C-alpha atoms as a PDB file:
ATOM      1  CA  MET A   1      -7.539   0.728   7.632  1.00  0.00           C
ATOM      2  CA  GLN A   2      -7.379   0.739  11.404  1.00  0.00           C
ATOM      3  CA  ILE A   3      -4.738  -1.062  13.432  1.00  0.00           C
ATOM      4  CA  ASP A   4      -5.179  -1.295  17.188  1.00  0.00           C
ATOM      5  CA  PHE A   5      -1.637  -1.296  18.562  1.00  0.00           C
ATOM      6  CA  ASN A   6      -2.953  -2.422  21.952  1.00  0.00           C
ATOM      7  CA  ASP A   7      -3.676  -5.828  20.399  1.00  0.00           C
ATOM      8  CA  LEU A   8      -0.167  -6.222  18.927  1.00  0.00           C
ATOM      9  CA  SER A   9       3.128  -7.323  20.405  1.00  0.00           C
ATOM     10  CA  PRO A  10       6.081  -4.911  20.158  1.00  0.00           C
ATOM     11  CA  SER A  11       7.540  -6.835  17.198  1.00  0.00           C
ATOM     12  CA  GLN A  12       4.170  -6.771  15.413  1.00  0.00           C
ATOM     13  CA  ARG A  13       3.892  -3.014  16.024  1.00  0.00           C
ATOM     14  CA  TYR A  14       7.338  -2.456  14.564  1.00  0.00           C
ATOM     15  CA  PHE A  15       6.520  -4.582  11.524  1.00  0.00           C
ATOM     16  CA  GLN A  16       3.279  -2.686  10.895  1.00  0.00           C
ATOM     17  CA  MET A  17       5.052   0.659  11.189  1.00  0.00           C
ATOM     18  CA  ILE A  18       7.898  -0.150   8.794  1.00  0.00           C
ATOM     19  CA  GLN A  19       5.521  -1.705   6.274  1.00  0.00           C
ATOM     20  CA  THR A  20       3.087   1.203   6.202  1.00  0.00           C
ATOM     21  CA  LEU A  21       4.878   4.374   7.310  1.00  0.00           C
ATOM     22  CA  VAL A  22       8.347   4.166   5.770  1.00  0.00           C
ATOM     23  CA  PRO A  23       8.545   4.901   2.907  1.00  0.00           C
ATOM     24  CA  ARG A  24       5.353   6.870   2.782  1.00  0.00           C
ATOM     25  CA  PRO A  25       3.146   5.672  -0.047  1.00  0.00           C
ATOM     26  CA  ILE A  26       2.184   7.997  -2.872  1.00  0.00           C
ATOM     27  CA  ALA A  27      -1.004   6.013  -3.348  1.00  0.00           C
ATOM     28  CA  TRP A  28      -2.760   2.824  -2.379  1.00  0.00           C
ATOM     29  CA  VAL A  29      -3.519   0.603  -5.373  1.00  0.00           C
ATOM     30  CA  LEU A  30      -6.390  -1.865  -5.151  1.00  0.00           C
ATOM     31  CA  SER A  31      -6.547  -4.653  -7.706  1.00  0.00           C
ATOM     32  CA  GLU A  32      -8.814  -7.636  -8.109  1.00  0.00           C
ATOM     33  CA  HIS A  33      -7.632 -11.058  -9.233  1.00  0.00           C
ATOM     34  CA  GLU A  34      -9.686 -13.144 -11.678  1.00  0.00           C
ATOM     35  CA  ASN A  35     -10.761 -15.352  -8.754  1.00  0.00           C
ATOM     36  CA  GLY A  36     -12.265 -12.313  -6.977  1.00  0.00           C
ATOM     37  CA  LYS A  37      -9.599 -11.839  -4.313  1.00  0.00           C
ATOM     38  CA  LEU A  38      -8.542  -8.262  -3.632  1.00  0.00           C
ATOM     39  CA  ASN A  39      -4.982  -7.024  -3.208  1.00  0.00           C
ATOM     40  CA  LEU A  40      -4.140  -3.689  -1.587  1.00  0.00           C
ATOM     41  CA  ALA A  41      -0.598  -2.485  -2.206  1.00  0.00           C
ATOM     42  CA  ARG A  42       1.208   0.764  -1.668  1.00  0.00           C
ATOM     43  CA  LEU A  43       2.712   2.653  -4.559  1.00  0.00           C
ATOM     44  CA  GLY A  44       5.819   4.401  -3.288  1.00  0.00           C
ATOM     45  CA  ALA A  45       8.284   6.782  -4.895  1.00  0.00           C
ATOM     46  CA  ASN A  46      10.661   3.947  -5.776  1.00  0.00           C
ATOM     47  CA  GLU A  47       8.015   1.978  -7.637  1.00  0.00           C
ATOM     48  CA  TYR A  48       6.638   5.085  -9.340  1.00  0.00           C
ATOM     49  CA  ALA A  49      10.089   6.115 -10.607  1.00  0.00           C
ATOM     50  CA  ALA A  50      10.640   2.630 -12.056  1.00  0.00           C
ATOM     51  CA  LEU A  51       7.496   2.687 -14.204  1.00  0.00           C
ATOM     52  CA  SER A  52       8.201   3.243 -17.876  1.00  0.00           C
ATOM     53  CA  ASP A  53       4.606   4.030 -18.853  1.00  0.00           C
ATOM     54  CA  VAL A  54       2.702   7.061 -17.678  1.00  0.00           C
ATOM     55  CA  ILE A  55      -0.190   6.060 -15.481  1.00  0.00           C
ATOM     56  CA  ARG A  56      -3.085   8.017 -14.112  1.00  0.00           C
ATOM     57  CA  LEU A  57      -4.522   7.193 -10.749  1.00  0.00           C
ATOM     58  CA  GLY A  58      -7.898   8.517  -9.834  1.00  0.00           C
ATOM     59  CA  ARG A  59     -11.441   8.868 -10.951  1.00  0.00           C
ATOM     60  CA  PRO A  60     -12.112   8.881 -14.715  1.00  0.00           C
ATOM     61  CA  THR A  61     -13.271  12.219 -16.053  1.00  0.00           C
END
């Protein structure tokens, strides 16, 4: 993902920074809806700690 801050207003820059930099994500999770639309979401420490099931992110072995 590339964001050109030169194309953004100061408020847009701030929004992008707080949504992507703080808190730092542990991982990016990409999911696909039944209709084919993709959703990219960050998995942060707060979300990870709230999961009751153990999950494995990565390439299957």
